[in-house]
Amino acid sequence: MSNFNNGTAVPTPDALKSQAKRLRSAMAEKQTPISQGMALEAIARQYGYRDWNTLSAAAKSNAPRGWHVGQRVSGRYLGHLFSGTLKAVRAAHGGYWYLTVVFDEAVDVVDSEAFSSFRKQVNVTLNPEGVTHAKTSNGIPHMELRAT
């Protein structure tokens, strides 16, 4: 069997192990017990992979990366350096993330000497590289974020 996945989304490693456990249980009920290793190999073939190790690696590489509530972050918001904490995190389709960032110190979001407008918290949508698609009028991303 090849390493070709049939296009089915690969669940997390824990979900795959749960599937293998249910398979073992079902087989035991039918008086045909199998080992955990056999169950894992059967699950791998079901997803179109040649073996458990290959499927497991694919599942780990598909795991969401990066952001979690309470994580310390820093970067630039509207061109201003900041540090802060993630208050809310939600994974979106295609590796994008919806985040609420609470700044350690409020950021002035107005580039004017006539007045100021400070923000202590913002909601942003980031791409997999930690950058917003939205840009200022001079082409700078609204936010560039990195874990600290």
Protein backbone atom coordinates (compact mmCIF):
# COMPACT_ATOMS: atom_id res chain seq x y z
CA MET A 1 0.00 0.00 0.00
CA SER A 2 1.24 3.50 -0.83
CA ASN A 3 1.37 6.61 1.33
CA PHE A 4 -1.51 8.12 -0.61
CA ASN A 5 -4.22 9.59 1.60
CA ASN A 6 -7.67 9.30 0.04
CA GLY A 7 -8.38 12.99 0.69
CA THR A 8 -10.00 12.36 4.06
CA ALA A 9 -9.04 14.87 6.73
CA VAL A 10 -6.72 13.28 9.29
CA PRO A 11 -7.91 13.62 12.91
CA THR A 12 -5.60 14.33 15.83
CA PRO A 13 -3.37 11.51 17.13
CA ASP A 14 -5.58 11.19 20.24
CA ALA A 15 -8.71 10.83 18.10
CA LEU A 16 -7.00 8.16 16.00
CA LYS A 17 -5.97 6.23 19.12
CA SER A 18 -9.57 6.42 20.35
CA GLN A 19 -10.72 4.96 17.04
CA ALA A 20 -8.23 2.10 17.44
CA LYS A 21 -9.49 1.47 20.97
CA ARG A 22 -13.10 1.30 19.74
CA LEU A 23 -12.03 -1.08 16.97
CA ARG A 24 -10.33 -3.35 19.52
CA SER A 25 -13.45 -3.31 21.68
CA ALA A 26 -15.71 -4.15 18.73
CA MET A 27 -13.43 -6.98 17.63
CA ALA A 28 -13.34 -8.39 21.18
CA GLU A 29 -17.15 -8.36 21.27
CA LYS A 30 -17.11 -10.45 18.06
CA GLN A 31 -14.74 -12.93 19.73
CA THR A 32 -11.86 -11.84 17.47
CA PRO A 33 -9.52 -9.91 19.75
CA ILE A 34 -6.69 -7.91 18.18
CA SER A 35 -3.69 -6.12 19.66
CA GLN A 36 -3.46 -2.33 19.95
CA GLY A 37 -0.74 -2.39 17.28
CA MET A 38 -2.99 -4.28 14.88
CA ALA A 39 -5.81 -1.83 15.53
CA LEU A 40 -3.53 1.16 14.87
CA GLU A 41 -2.31 -0.37 11.61
CA ALA A 42 -5.92 -1.03 10.52
CA ILE A 43 -6.87 2.60 11.27
CA ALA A 44 -3.87 3.78 9.21
CA ARG A 45 -5.00 1.71 6.22
CA GLN A 46 -8.54 3.04 6.61
CA TYR A 47 -7.17 6.58 6.13
CA GLY A 48 -5.11 5.50 3.11
CA TYR A 49 -1.69 5.34 4.81
CA ARG A 50 0.68 2.37 4.63
CA ASP A 51 1.24 2.14 8.40
CA TRP A 52 0.57 3.73 11.78
CA ASN A 53 3.86 5.68 11.88
CA THR A 54 3.08 7.42 8.60
CA LEU A 55 -0.48 8.26 9.66
CA SER A 56 0.70 9.47 13.06
CA ALA A 57 3.25 11.80 11.44
CA ALA A 58 0.55 13.18 9.12
CA ALA A 59 -1.79 13.76 12.07
CA LYS A 60 0.90 15.59 14.03
CA SER A 61 1.80 17.79 11.06
CA ASN A 62 -1.89 18.75 10.71
CA ALA A 63 -2.17 19.74 14.36
CA PRO A 64 -2.93 23.39 14.99
CA ARG A 65 0.20 25.34 15.74
CA GLY A 66 0.80 28.31 17.78
CA TRP A 67 -1.68 30.24 19.78
CA HIS A 68 -3.37 29.54 23.14
CA VAL A 69 -5.21 31.58 25.76
CA GLY A 70 -2.84 33.19 28.26
CA GLN A 71 0.12 33.06 25.87
CA ARG A 72 2.56 35.99 26.02
CA VAL A 73 2.99 37.71 22.67
CA SER A 74 4.68 40.73 21.13
CA GLY A 75 4.80 42.41 17.78
CA ARG A 76 3.54 45.46 15.94
CA TYR A 77 0.01 46.83 15.86
CA LEU A 78 -0.58 49.65 13.36
CA GLY A 79 3.18 50.14 13.33
CA HIS A 80 3.52 50.40 17.13
CA LEU A 81 5.59 47.87 19.09
CA PHE A 82 3.65 46.10 21.83
CA SER A 83 3.69 43.17 24.23
CA GLY A 84 0.62 41.51 25.65
CA THR A 85 -1.40 38.39 26.35
CA LEU A 86 -3.88 36.38 24.32
CA LYS A 87 -7.34 36.61 25.90
CA ALA A 88 -9.26 34.55 23.32
CA VAL A 89 -8.11 32.14 20.61
CA ARG A 90 -10.07 30.34 17.93
CA ALA A 91 -8.65 28.37 15.02
CA ALA A 92 -10.18 29.17 11.65
CA HIS A 93 -10.12 27.43 8.27
CA GLY A 94 -6.86 27.28 6.32
CA GLY A 95 -4.54 27.87 9.26
CA TYR A 96 -5.99 31.28 10.10
CA TRP A 97 -6.65 32.34 13.69
CA TYR A 98 -9.12 34.68 15.39
CA LEU A 99 -7.42 36.25 18.40
CA THR A 100 -8.16 38.78 21.09
CA VAL A 101 -4.95 40.46 22.19
CA VAL A 102 -4.75 42.45 25.45
CA PHE A 103 -1.87 44.93 25.37
CA ASP A 104 0.29 45.42 28.46
CA GLU A 105 0.15 49.15 27.76
CA ALA A 106 -2.53 50.82 25.66
CA VAL A 107 -1.57 51.52 22.04
CA ASP A 108 -2.39 54.83 20.38
CA VAL A 109 -4.13 53.83 17.14
CA VAL A 110 -4.21 57.35 15.70
CA ASP A 111 -1.23 58.75 13.86
CA SER A 112 -1.99 62.39 14.57
CA GLU A 113 -0.61 65.07 16.82
CA ALA A 114 -4.07 66.67 17.15
CA PHE A 115 -5.63 63.84 19.16
CA SER A 116 -5.14 60.28 20.39
CA SER A 117 -7.23 57.15 20.67
CA PHE A 118 -5.83 54.40 22.86
CA ARG A 119 -6.73 50.73 22.65
CA LYS A 120 -6.04 48.23 25.40
CA GLN A 121 -7.44 45.24 23.50
CA VAL A 122 -8.06 44.30 19.86
CA ASN A 123 -9.58 41.46 17.87
CA VAL A 124 -7.61 40.32 14.83
CA THR A 125 -7.56 37.57 12.22
CA LEU A 126 -4.07 36.24 11.55
CA ASN A 127 -2.73 34.07 8.75
CA PRO A 128 -0.48 31.06 9.53
CA GLU A 129 2.56 33.39 9.61
CA GLY A 130 1.01 35.55 12.35
CA VAL A 131 0.19 38.52 10.12
CA THR A 132 -3.16 40.16 9.37
CA HIS A 133 -4.43 40.36 5.81
CA ALA A 134 -5.80 43.84 6.57
CA LYS A 135 -3.30 46.61 5.94
CA THR A 136 -3.01 50.31 6.64
CA SER A 137 -3.25 52.80 3.77
CA ASN A 138 0.53 52.65 3.39
CA GLY A 139 0.53 48.85 3.07
CA ILE A 140 1.66 47.83 6.56
CA PRO A 141 -0.24 44.87 8.08
CA HIS A 142 -2.49 45.92 10.96
CA MET A 143 -0.74 43.34 13.16
CA GLU A 144 2.36 41.21 13.07
CA LEU A 145 2.43 38.84 16.04
CA ARG A 146 4.93 36.42 17.53
CA ALA A 147 5.08 34.32 20.67
CA THR A 148 7.49 35.58 23.33
